[in-house]
Amino acid sequence: GCGKSVTSLSILRLIPNPPGKISGGEILYKGKNLL
């Protein structure tokens, strides 16, 4: 429940929306923002 798995799913943009969403930050892969 500390957020480990949610972090990993966020990297792949697999967070179910709704109820979840990536609401801030950047995920840079080889310099490109995946978001």
PDB file of all heavy atoms in Angstrom:
ATOM      1  N   GLY A   1       0.779  -1.233   0.000  1.00  0.00           N
ATOM      2  CA  GLY A   1       0.000   0.000   0.000  1.00  0.00           C
ATOM      3  C   GLY A   1       0.803   1.271   0.000  1.00  0.00           C
ATOM      4  O   GLY A   1       0.240   2.370   0.065  1.00  0.00           O
ATOM      5  N   CYS A   2       2.142   1.155  -0.113  1.00  0.00           N
ATOM      6  CA  CYS A   2       2.970   2.375  -0.058  1.00  0.00           C
ATOM      7  C   CYS A   2       3.055   3.085  -1.405  1.00  0.00           C
ATOM      8  O   CYS A   2       3.553   4.205  -1.485  1.00  0.00           O
ATOM      9  CB  CYS A   2       4.370   2.049   0.453  1.00  0.00           C
ATOM     10  SG  CYS A   2       5.398   1.155  -0.714  1.00  0.00           S
ATOM     11  N   GLY A   3       2.599   2.441  -2.492  1.00  0.00           N
ATOM     12  CA  GLY A   3       2.613   3.086  -3.807  1.00  0.00           C
ATOM     13  C   GLY A   3       3.589   2.485  -4.796  1.00  0.00           C
ATOM     14  O   GLY A   3       3.759   3.010  -5.900  1.00  0.00           O
ATOM     15  N   LYS A   4       4.208   1.355  -4.441  1.00  0.00           N
ATOM     16  CA  LYS A   4       5.215   0.747  -5.329  1.00  0.00           C
ATOM     17  C   LYS A   4       4.607   0.322  -6.670  1.00  0.00           C
ATOM     18  O   LYS A   4       5.102   0.695  -7.740  1.00  0.00           O
ATOM     19  CB  LYS A   4       5.853  -0.488  -4.666  1.00  0.00           C
ATOM     20  CG  LYS A   4       6.435  -0.264  -3.293  1.00  0.00           C
ATOM     21  CD  LYS A   4       7.172  -1.488  -2.771  1.00  0.00           C
ATOM     22  CE  LYS A   4       6.317  -2.737  -2.644  1.00  0.00           C
ATOM     23  NZ  LYS A   4       5.265  -2.650  -1.623  1.00  0.00           N
ATOM     24  N   SER A   5       3.539  -0.464  -6.606  1.00  0.00           N
ATOM     25  CA  SER A   5       2.933  -0.986  -7.838  1.00  0.00           C
ATOM     26  C   SER A   5       2.269   0.117  -8.646  1.00  0.00           C
ATOM     27  O   SER A   5       2.310   0.105  -9.885  1.00  0.00           O
ATOM     28  CB  SER A   5       1.914  -2.078  -7.509  1.00  0.00           C
ATOM     29  OG  SER A   5       2.554  -3.207  -6.961  1.00  0.00           O
ATOM     30  N   VAL A   6       1.661   1.097  -7.963  1.00  0.00           N
ATOM     31  CA  VAL A   6       1.046   2.222  -8.677  1.00  0.00           C
ATOM     32  C   VAL A   6       2.111   3.005  -9.439  1.00  0.00           C
ATOM     33  O   VAL A   6       1.879   3.467 -10.563  1.00  0.00           O
ATOM     34  CB  VAL A   6       0.275   3.138  -7.696  1.00  0.00           C
ATOM     35  CG1 VAL A   6      -0.246   4.387  -8.413  1.00  0.00           C
ATOM     36  CG2 VAL A   6      -0.890   2.386  -7.068  1.00  0.00           C
ATOM     37  N   THR A   7       3.292   3.131  -8.857  1.00  0.00           N
ATOM     38  CA  THR A   7       4.409   3.803  -9.540  1.00  0.00           C
ATOM     39  C   THR A   7       4.752   3.074 -10.838  1.00  0.00           C
ATOM     40  O   THR A   7       4.910   3.697 -11.892  1.00  0.00           O
ATOM     41  CB  THR A   7       5.646   3.868  -8.625  1.00  0.00           C
ATOM     42  OG1 THR A   7       5.330   4.615  -7.453  1.00  0.00           O
ATOM     43  CG2 THR A   7       6.818   4.514  -9.337  1.00  0.00           C
ATOM     44  N   SER A   8       4.855   1.740 -10.761  1.00  0.00           N
ATOM     45  CA  SER A   8       5.223   0.964 -11.953  1.00  0.00           C
ATOM     46  C   SER A   8       4.136   1.043 -13.022  1.00  0.00           C
ATOM     47  O   SER A   8       4.431   1.176 -14.214  1.00  0.00           O
ATOM     48  CB  SER A   8       5.499  -0.493 -11.571  1.00  0.00           C
ATOM     49  OG  SER A   8       4.328  -1.134 -11.109  1.00  0.00           O
ATOM     50  N   LEU A   9       2.870   0.960 -12.612  1.00  0.00           N
ATOM     51  CA  LEU A   9       1.775   1.056 -13.580  1.00  0.00           C
ATOM     52  C   LEU A   9       1.692   2.451 -14.197  1.00  0.00           C
ATOM     53  O   LEU A   9       1.322   2.606 -15.360  1.00  0.00           O
ATOM     54  CB  LEU A   9       0.447   0.696 -12.907  1.00  0.00           C
ATOM     55  CG  LEU A   9       0.303  -0.768 -12.469  1.00  0.00           C
ATOM     56  CD1 LEU A   9      -0.949  -0.958 -11.627  1.00  0.00           C
ATOM     57  CD2 LEU A   9       0.274  -1.710 -13.670  1.00  0.00           C
ATOM     58  N   SER A  10       2.079   3.456 -13.419  1.00  0.00           N
ATOM     59  CA  SER A  10       2.093   4.829 -13.940  1.00  0.00           C
ATOM     60  C   SER A  10       3.131   4.986 -15.050  1.00  0.00           C
ATOM     61  O   SER A  10       2.887   5.675 -16.050  1.00  0.00           O
ATOM     62  CB  SER A  10       2.385   5.828 -12.812  1.00  0.00           C
ATOM     63  OG  SER A  10       1.393   5.787 -11.809  1.00  0.00           O
ATOM     64  N   ILE A  11       4.289   4.335 -14.880  1.00  0.00           N
ATOM     65  CA  ILE A  11       5.344   4.423 -15.897  1.00  0.00           C
ATOM     66  C   ILE A  11       4.828   3.919 -17.248  1.00  0.00           C
ATOM     67  O   ILE A  11       5.119   4.499 -18.293  1.00  0.00           O
ATOM     68  CB  ILE A  11       6.585   3.625 -15.452  1.00  0.00           C
ATOM     69  CG1 ILE A  11       7.261   4.313 -14.261  1.00  0.00           C
ATOM     70  CG2 ILE A  11       7.585   3.473 -16.599  1.00  0.00           C
ATOM     71  CD1 ILE A  11       8.342   3.488 -13.592  1.00  0.00           C
ATOM     72  N   LEU A  12       4.041   2.854 -17.215  1.00  0.00           N
ATOM     73  CA  LEU A  12       3.495   2.278 -18.446  1.00  0.00           C
ATOM     74  C   LEU A  12       2.147   2.875 -18.837  1.00  0.00           C
ATOM     75  O   LEU A  12       1.531   2.433 -19.798  1.00  0.00           O
ATOM     76  CB  LEU A  12       3.361   0.760 -18.288  1.00  0.00           C
ATOM     77  CG  LEU A  12       4.675  -0.014 -18.298  1.00  0.00           C
ATOM     78  CD1 LEU A  12       4.456  -1.467 -17.904  1.00  0.00           C
ATOM     79  CD2 LEU A  12       5.337   0.063 -19.671  1.00  0.00           C
ATOM     80  N   ARG A  13       1.688   3.845 -18.050  1.00  0.00           N
ATOM     81  CA  ARG A  13       0.382   4.495 -18.260  1.00  0.00           C
ATOM     82  C   ARG A  13      -0.743   3.460 -18.300  1.00  0.00           C
ATOM     83  O   ARG A  13      -1.609   3.476 -19.168  1.00  0.00           O
ATOM     84  CB  ARG A  13       0.412   5.350 -19.535  1.00  0.00           C
ATOM     85  CG  ARG A  13       1.264   6.595 -19.368  1.00  0.00           C
ATOM     86  CD  ARG A  13       1.399   7.395 -20.642  1.00  0.00           C
ATOM     87  NE  ARG A  13       0.108   7.863 -21.141  1.00  0.00           N
ATOM     88  CZ  ARG A  13      -0.049   8.498 -22.298  1.00  0.00           C
ATOM     89  NH1 ARG A  13       1.019   8.758 -23.060  1.00  0.00           N
ATOM     90  NH2 ARG A  13      -1.238   8.890 -22.704  1.00  0.00           N
ATOM     91  N   LEU A  14      -0.720   2.586 -17.307  1.00  0.00           N
ATOM     92  CA  LEU A  14      -1.744   1.546 -17.169  1.00  0.00           C
ATOM     93  C   LEU A  14      -2.686   1.820 -15.993  1.00  0.00           C
ATOM     94  O   LEU A  14      -3.416   0.926 -15.566  1.00  0.00           O
ATOM     95  CB  LEU A  14      -1.073   0.176 -16.989  1.00  0.00           C
ATOM     96  CG  LEU A  14      -0.378  -0.401 -18.226  1.00  0.00           C
ATOM     97  CD1 LEU A  14       0.379  -1.681 -17.870  1.00  0.00           C
ATOM     98  CD2 LEU A  14      -1.376  -0.666 -19.348  1.00  0.00           C
ATOM     99  N   ILE A  15      -2.671   3.028 -15.470  1.00  0.00           N
ATOM    100  CA  ILE A  15      -3.577   3.388 -14.376  1.00  0.00           C
ATOM    101  C   ILE A  15      -5.000   3.493 -14.931  1.00  0.00           C
ATOM    102  O   ILE A  15      -5.245   4.238 -15.886  1.00  0.00           O
ATOM    103  CB  ILE A  15      -3.161   4.737 -13.740  1.00  0.00           C
ATOM    104  CG1 ILE A  15      -1.757   4.635 -13.133  1.00  0.00           C
ATOM    105  CG2 ILE A  15      -4.168   5.179 -12.692  1.00  0.00           C
ATOM    106  CD1 ILE A  15      -1.626   3.677 -11.982  1.00  0.00           C
ATOM    107  N   PRO A  16      -5.952   2.724 -14.367  1.00  0.00           N
ATOM    108  CA  PRO A  16      -7.334   2.806 -14.874  1.00  0.00           C
ATOM    109  C   PRO A  16      -7.944   4.175 -14.612  1.00  0.00           C
ATOM    110  O   PRO A  16      -7.879   4.686 -13.494  1.00  0.00           O
ATOM    111  CB  PRO A  16      -8.061   1.708 -14.074  1.00  0.00           C
ATOM    112  CG  PRO A  16      -7.229   1.484 -12.858  1.00  0.00           C
ATOM    113  CD  PRO A  16      -5.814   1.778 -13.244  1.00  0.00           C
ATOM    114  N   ASN A  17      -8.508   4.771 -15.655  1.00  0.00           N
ATOM    115  CA  ASN A  17      -9.080   6.116 -15.546  1.00  0.00           C
ATOM    116  C   ASN A  17     -10.514   6.126 -16.083  1.00  0.00           C
ATOM    117  O   ASN A  17     -10.710   5.956 -17.278  1.00  0.00           O
ATOM    118  CB  ASN A  17      -8.221   7.101 -16.336  1.00  0.00           C
ATOM    119  CG  ASN A  17      -8.695   8.537 -16.183  1.00  0.00           C
ATOM    120  OD1 ASN A  17      -9.576   8.834 -15.386  1.00  0.00           O
ATOM    121  ND2 ASN A  17      -8.118   9.439 -16.970  1.00  0.00           N
ATOM    122  N   PRO A  18     -11.533   6.347 -15.218  1.00  0.00           N
ATOM    123  CA  PRO A  18     -11.452   6.499 -13.769  1.00  0.00           C
ATOM    124  C   PRO A  18     -11.207   5.135 -13.092  1.00  0.00           C
ATOM    125  O   PRO A  18     -11.327   4.122 -13.762  1.00  0.00           O
ATOM    126  CB  PRO A  18     -12.838   7.076 -13.422  1.00  0.00           C
ATOM    127  CG  PRO A  18     -13.745   6.534 -14.472  1.00  0.00           C
ATOM    128  CD  PRO A  18     -12.908   6.434 -15.720  1.00  0.00           C
ATOM    129  N   PRO A  19     -10.839   5.151 -11.794  1.00  0.00           N
ATOM    130  CA  PRO A  19     -10.819   6.258 -10.834  1.00  0.00           C
ATOM    131  C   PRO A  19      -9.472   6.964 -10.730  1.00  0.00           C
ATOM    132  O   PRO A  19      -9.346   7.940 -10.017  1.00  0.00           O
ATOM    133  CB  PRO A  19     -11.145   5.555  -9.518  1.00  0.00           C
ATOM    134  CG  PRO A  19     -10.490   4.207  -9.662  1.00  0.00           C
ATOM    135  CD  PRO A  19     -10.627   3.851 -11.116  1.00  0.00           C
ATOM    136  N   GLY A  20      -8.432   6.438 -11.430  1.00  0.00           N
ATOM    137  CA  GLY A  20      -7.098   7.001 -11.244  1.00  0.00           C
ATOM    138  C   GLY A  20      -6.668   7.883 -12.394  1.00  0.00           C
ATOM    139  O   GLY A  20      -7.231   7.822 -13.498  1.00  0.00           O
ATOM    140  N   LYS A  21      -5.656   8.699 -12.153  1.00  0.00           N
ATOM    141  CA  LYS A  21      -5.044   9.494 -13.221  1.00  0.00           C
ATOM    142  C   LYS A  21      -3.676   9.969 -12.766  1.00  0.00           C
ATOM    143  O   LYS A  21      -3.427  10.138 -11.568  1.00  0.00           O
ATOM    144  CB  LYS A  21      -5.913  10.692 -13.603  1.00  0.00           C
ATOM    145  CG  LYS A  21      -6.057  11.740 -12.506  1.00  0.00           C
ATOM    146  CD  LYS A  21      -6.835  12.945 -13.006  1.00  0.00           C
ATOM    147  CE  LYS A  21      -6.952  14.008 -11.905  1.00  0.00           C
ATOM    148  NZ  LYS A  21      -7.650  15.219 -12.378  1.00  0.00           N
ATOM    149  N   ILE A  22      -2.794  10.143 -13.729  1.00  0.00           N
ATOM    150  CA  ILE A  22      -1.481  10.741 -13.442  1.00  0.00           C
ATOM    151  C   ILE A  22      -1.684  12.243 -13.492  1.00  0.00           C
ATOM    152  O   ILE A  22      -1.995  12.805 -14.547  1.00  0.00           O
ATOM    153  CB  ILE A  22      -0.425  10.275 -14.457  1.00  0.00           C
ATOM    154  CG1 ILE A  22      -0.245   8.755 -14.378  1.00  0.00           C
ATOM    155  CG2 ILE A  22       0.904  10.974 -14.199  1.00  0.00           C
ATOM    156  CD1 ILE A  22       0.595   8.175 -15.484  1.00  0.00           C
ATOM    157  N   SER A  23      -1.556  12.899 -12.352  1.00  0.00           N
ATOM    158  CA  SER A  23      -1.932  14.311 -12.265  1.00  0.00           C
ATOM    159  C   SER A  23      -0.743  15.260 -12.186  1.00  0.00           C
ATOM    160  O   SER A  23      -0.928  16.472 -12.080  1.00  0.00           O
ATOM    161  CB  SER A  23      -2.864  14.533 -11.065  1.00  0.00           C
ATOM    162  OG  SER A  23      -2.335  13.964  -9.891  1.00  0.00           O
ATOM    163  N   GLY A  24       0.484  14.725 -12.241  1.00  0.00           N
ATOM    164  CA  GLY A  24       1.631  15.622 -12.199  1.00  0.00           C
ATOM    165  C   GLY A  24       2.935  14.890 -12.443  1.00  0.00           C
ATOM    166  O   GLY A  24       3.016  13.675 -12.300  1.00  0.00           O
ATOM    167  N   GLY A  25       3.953  15.649 -12.846  1.00  0.00           N
ATOM    168  CA  GLY A  25       5.288  15.093 -13.022  1.00  0.00           C
ATOM    169  C   GLY A  25       5.637  14.725 -14.446  1.00  0.00           C
ATOM    170  O   GLY A  25       4.873  14.990 -15.385  1.00  0.00           O
ATOM    171  N   GLU A  26       6.794  14.094 -14.594  1.00  0.00           N
ATOM    172  CA  GLU A  26       7.293  13.664 -15.902  1.00  0.00           C
ATOM    173  C   GLU A  26       7.846  12.249 -15.783  1.00  0.00           C
ATOM    174  O   GLU A  26       8.377  11.858 -14.744  1.00  0.00           O
ATOM    175  CB  GLU A  26       8.421  14.584 -16.390  1.00  0.00           C
ATOM    176  CG  GLU A  26       8.031  16.010 -16.664  1.00  0.00           C
ATOM    177  CD  GLU A  26       9.242  16.840 -17.089  1.00  0.00           C
ATOM    178  OE1 GLU A  26      10.156  17.011 -16.261  1.00  0.00           O
ATOM    179  OE2 GLU A  26       9.274  17.296 -18.248  1.00  0.00           O
ATOM    180  N   ILE A  27       7.723  11.489 -16.871  1.00  0.00           N
ATOM    181  CA  ILE A  27       8.344  10.169 -16.976  1.00  0.00           C
ATOM    182  C   ILE A  27       9.173  10.189 -18.252  1.00  0.00           C
ATOM    183  O   ILE A  27       8.637  10.092 -19.360  1.00  0.00           O
ATOM    184  CB  ILE A  27       7.291   9.039 -17.016  1.00  0.00           C
ATOM    185  CG1 ILE A  27       6.425   9.085 -15.759  1.00  0.00           C
ATOM    186  CG2 ILE A  27       7.977   7.679 -17.147  1.00  0.00           C
ATOM    187  CD1 ILE A  27       5.205   8.192 -15.824  1.00  0.00           C
ATOM    188  N   LEU A  28      10.480  10.389 -18.098  1.00  0.00           N
ATOM    189  CA  LEU A  28      11.363  10.589 -19.249  1.00  0.00           C
ATOM    190  C   LEU A  28      12.034   9.278 -19.633  1.00  0.00           C
ATOM    191  O   LEU A  28      12.805   8.703 -18.858  1.00  0.00           O
ATOM    192  CB  LEU A  28      12.418  11.642 -18.922  1.00  0.00           C
ATOM    193  CG  LEU A  28      11.885  13.018 -18.502  1.00  0.00           C
ATOM    194  CD1 LEU A  28      13.030  13.923 -18.080  1.00  0.00           C
ATOM    195  CD2 LEU A  28      11.078  13.654 -19.629  1.00  0.00           C
ATOM    196  N   TYR A  29      11.736   8.803 -20.825  1.00  0.00           N
ATOM    197  CA  TYR A  29      12.373   7.602 -21.362  1.00  0.00           C
ATOM    198  C   TYR A  29      13.253   8.018 -22.528  1.00  0.00           C
ATOM    199  O   TYR A  29      12.761   8.543 -23.532  1.00  0.00           O
ATOM    200  CB  TYR A  29      11.319   6.595 -21.820  1.00  0.00           C
ATOM    201  CG  TYR A  29      11.881   5.427 -22.601  1.00  0.00           C
ATOM    202  CD1 TYR A  29      12.744   4.517 -21.991  1.00  0.00           C
ATOM    203  CD2 TYR A  29      11.566   5.249 -23.947  1.00  0.00           C
ATOM    204  CE1 TYR A  29      13.274   3.461 -22.702  1.00  0.00           C
ATOM    205  CE2 TYR A  29      12.089   4.186 -24.657  1.00  0.00           C
ATOM    206  CZ  TYR A  29      12.941   3.309 -24.041  1.00  0.00           C
ATOM    207  OH  TYR A  29      13.478   2.252 -24.750  1.00  0.00           O
ATOM    208  N   LYS A  30      14.561   7.851 -22.351  1.00  0.00           N
ATOM    209  CA  LYS A  30      15.534   8.295 -23.356  1.00  0.00           C
ATOM    210  C   LYS A  30      15.287   9.762 -23.712  1.00  0.00           C
ATOM    211  O   LYS A  30      15.347  10.173 -24.877  1.00  0.00           O
ATOM    212  CB  LYS A  30      15.482   7.406 -24.594  1.00  0.00           C
ATOM    213  CG  LYS A  30      15.894   5.963 -24.318  1.00  0.00           C
ATOM    214  CD  LYS A  30      15.888   5.106 -25.566  1.00  0.00           C
ATOM    215  CE  LYS A  30      16.385   3.697 -25.290  1.00  0.00           C
ATOM    216  NZ  LYS A  30      16.355   2.813 -26.470  1.00  0.00           N
ATOM    217  N   GLY A  31      14.960  10.558 -22.666  1.00  0.00           N
ATOM    218  CA  GLY A  31      14.771  11.988 -22.840  1.00  0.00           C
ATOM    219  C   GLY A  31      13.396  12.412 -23.314  1.00  0.00           C
ATOM    220  O   GLY A  31      13.105  13.607 -23.400  1.00  0.00           O
ATOM    221  N   LYS A  32      12.508  11.453 -23.599  1.00  0.00           N
ATOM    222  CA  LYS A  32      11.171  11.761 -24.116  1.00  0.00           C
ATOM    223  C   LYS A  32      10.137  11.547 -23.007  1.00  0.00           C
ATOM    224  O   LYS A  32      10.142  10.499 -22.352  1.00  0.00           O
ATOM    225  CB  LYS A  32      10.902  10.838 -25.308  1.00  0.00           C
ATOM    226  CG  LYS A  32       9.579  11.026 -25.983  1.00  0.00           C
ATOM    227  CD  LYS A  32       9.540  10.330 -27.354  1.00  0.00           C
ATOM    228  CE  LYS A  32      10.093   8.919 -27.319  1.00  0.00           C
ATOM    229  NZ  LYS A  32      10.031   8.259 -28.649  1.00  0.00           N
ATOM    230  N   ASN A  33       9.260  12.529 -22.785  1.00  0.00           N
ATOM    231  CA  ASN A  33       8.248  12.428 -21.730  1.00  0.00           C
ATOM    232  C   ASN A  33       7.097  11.524 -22.193  1.00  0.00           C
ATOM    233  O   ASN A  33       6.331  11.885 -23.092  1.00  0.00           O
ATOM    234  CB  ASN A  33       7.713  13.815 -21.360  1.00  0.00           C
ATOM    235  CG  ASN A  33       6.802  13.779 -20.151  1.00  0.00           C
ATOM    236  OD1 ASN A  33       6.608  12.731 -19.533  1.00  0.00           O
ATOM    237  ND2 ASN A  33       6.224  14.925 -19.810  1.00  0.00           N
ATOM    238  N   LEU A  34       6.976  10.368 -21.557  1.00  0.00           N
ATOM    239  CA  LEU A  34       5.949   9.400 -21.953  1.00  0.00           C
ATOM    240  C   LEU A  34       4.544   9.941 -21.738  1.00  0.00           C
ATOM    241  O   LEU A  34       3.598   9.507 -22.403  1.00  0.00           O
ATOM    242  CB  LEU A  34       6.127   8.093 -21.163  1.00  0.00           C
ATOM    243  CG  LEU A  34       7.436   7.335 -21.366  1.00  0.00           C
ATOM    244  CD1 LEU A  34       7.426   6.031 -20.559  1.00  0.00           C
ATOM    245  CD2 LEU A  34       7.681   7.022 -22.849  1.00  0.00           C
ATOM    246  N   LEU A  35       4.393  10.878 -20.806  1.00  0.00           N
ATOM    247  CA  LEU A  35       3.060  11.411 -20.509  1.00  0.00           C
ATOM    248  C   LEU A  35       2.547  12.319 -21.620  1.00  0.00           C
ATOM    249  O   LEU A  35       1.349  12.618 -21.674  1.00  0.00           O
ATOM    250  CB  LEU A  35       3.082  12.171 -19.181  1.00  0.00           C
ATOM    251  CG  LEU A  35       3.489  11.351 -17.954  1.00  0.00           C
ATOM    252  CD1 LEU A  35       3.438  12.218 -16.700  1.00  0.00           C
ATOM    253  CD2 LEU A  35       2.611  10.124 -17.788  1.00  0.00           C
TER     254      LEU A  35
END
